[in-house]
Protein backbone atom coordinates (compact mmCIF):
# COMPACT_ATOMS: atom_id res chain seq x y z
CA MET A 1 96.58 -5.40 104.44
CA PHE A 2 94.56 -8.22 105.94
CA ALA A 3 95.50 -7.24 109.50
CA ALA A 4 94.49 -3.61 108.98
CA THR A 5 91.17 -4.66 107.48
CA THR A 6 90.48 -7.24 110.17
CA ASN A 7 91.38 -4.87 113.02
CA GLY A 8 89.24 -2.13 111.48
CA THR A 9 86.16 -4.29 110.91
CA SER A 10 86.18 -6.60 113.92
CA TYR A 11 86.97 -3.91 116.51
CA SER A 12 89.38 -6.27 118.31
CA GLN A 13 91.81 -3.44 119.10
CA THR A 14 89.04 -1.21 120.45
CA PHE A 15 87.70 -4.03 122.59
CA GLY A 16 91.18 -4.91 123.88
CA ILE A 17 92.00 -1.34 124.82
CA THR A 18 88.68 -0.48 126.46
CA SER A 19 88.33 -3.76 128.29
CA GLY A 20 91.88 -3.74 129.60
CA THR A 21 92.86 -7.03 127.93
CA SER A 22 95.63 -5.26 125.98
CA ASN A 23 97.26 -3.84 129.11
CA CYS A 24 95.89 -0.44 128.12
CA ALA A 25 93.68 0.13 131.13
CA ASP A 26 93.10 3.77 132.04
CA SER A 27 94.69 4.32 135.41
CA GLY A 28 93.94 8.03 135.52
CA GLY A 29 97.53 9.20 135.09
CA GLY A 30 99.84 10.11 137.95
CA SER A 31 103.46 9.50 138.71
CA ALA A 32 103.31 5.72 138.41
CA SER A 33 101.55 5.85 135.03
CA ALA A 34 103.87 8.56 133.73
CA LYS A 35 106.95 6.63 134.84
CA ALA A 36 105.68 3.40 133.29
CA PHE A 37 104.95 5.29 130.06
CA VAL A 38 108.52 6.69 130.01
CA GLU A 39 110.04 3.28 130.66
CA THR A 40 107.95 1.60 127.95
CA ASN A 41 108.52 4.32 125.34
CA ARG A 42 112.10 5.26 126.22
CA VAL A 43 113.56 5.18 122.69
CA ALA A 44 110.73 7.15 121.04
CA LEU A 45 110.62 9.59 123.96
CA ALA A 46 114.38 10.18 123.75
CA LYS A 47 114.00 11.12 120.07
CA ASP A 48 111.07 13.43 120.81
CA ILE A 49 112.85 15.09 123.75
CA ALA A 50 115.88 15.70 121.55
CA ARG A 51 113.57 17.43 119.04
CA GLY A 52 111.51 19.16 121.74
CA GLN A 53 108.21 17.91 120.37
CA GLY A 54 106.34 14.79 119.35
CA GLU A 55 103.56 12.35 120.06
CA THR A 56 105.23 10.72 123.08
CA ILE A 57 105.74 14.12 124.73
CA ASP A 58 102.09 15.01 124.09
CA SER A 59 100.98 11.72 125.66
CA LEU A 60 103.31 12.16 128.63
CA ALA A 61 101.99 15.68 129.22
CA ARG A 62 98.42 14.36 129.33
CA LEU A 63 99.35 11.56 131.74
CA ALA A 64 101.15 14.01 133.99
CA GLY A 65 98.24 16.48 133.94
CA CYS A 66 100.40 19.35 132.70
CA ARG A 67 98.45 22.58 132.15
CA ALA A 68 101.11 23.80 129.71
CA PRO A 69 101.56 20.74 127.45
CA GLY A 70 103.12 22.82 124.69
CA ALA A 71 105.95 23.82 126.99
CA VAL A 72 106.72 20.27 128.13
CA GLY A 73 108.80 19.47 125.04
CA SER A 74 111.09 22.48 125.33
CA SER A 75 111.44 22.03 129.08
CA LEU A 76 112.49 18.39 128.71
CA GLN A 77 114.71 19.25 125.75
CA GLN A 78 116.66 21.72 127.94
CA ARG A 79 117.13 18.95 130.52
CA PHE A 80 118.06 16.19 128.07
CA ASP A 81 121.51 15.60 129.64
CA GLN A 82 119.96 15.42 133.12
CA ILE A 83 117.35 12.91 131.98
CA PHE A 84 119.55 10.65 129.87
CA THR A 85 122.66 10.81 132.04
CA ASP A 86 124.46 8.08 130.07
CA ALA A 87 123.73 5.12 127.82
CA SER A 88 123.81 2.68 130.71
CA ALA A 89 121.11 4.48 132.71
CA SER A 90 118.28 2.07 133.48
CA ASP A 91 114.75 2.64 132.21
CA SER A 92 113.68 3.16 135.81
CA GLN A 93 116.30 5.88 136.35
CA VAL A 94 115.29 7.64 133.13
CA GLY A 95 111.67 7.47 134.30
CA ASP A 96 112.60 9.00 137.64
CA ASN A 97 114.60 11.70 135.90
CA VAL A 98 111.70 12.65 133.61
CA ILE A 99 109.27 12.82 136.54
CA GLU A 100 111.70 14.98 138.49
CA ALA A 101 112.20 17.29 135.49
CA LEU A 102 108.45 17.72 135.10
CA ARG A 103 107.96 18.33 138.83
CA SER A 104 110.82 20.84 139.04
CA ASP A 105 109.37 23.10 136.32
CA ALA A 106 106.53 24.87 138.15
CA GLY A 107 105.47 26.59 134.92
CA LEU A 108 104.31 23.26 133.50
CA ALA A 109 101.89 22.72 136.39
CA CYS A 110 101.89 18.94 136.08
CA SER A 111 99.22 18.38 138.72
CA ALA A 112 98.92 14.60 138.34
CA LEU A 113 102.52 14.10 139.50
CA GLY A 114 101.97 15.45 143.02
CA ALA A 115 104.84 16.54 145.19
CA GLY A 116 108.16 14.74 145.04
């Protein structure tokens, strides 16, 4: 309770995020940002991809500049086995697989990812 009150009244989270001191600097999206996001949020993203929707998919769609963010979840869900090839796949490999899946679906129009 104290932490929630303190964070809400002292604006320390807001300051940390906007100033970059919380490693939350806005890099403008792109492949590197999207891949780092996937690697950092792998477990939550895996759950959302399995469901075909969720907060991490929405955030990823924004980072990737997808014009059809609503379709990102179902597109990734259809490629789940290609993204999470096995339990021993590294975070980096999963990140690469997600970026490739987004790039390969032209209907998503993920402009921030550029060409592969």
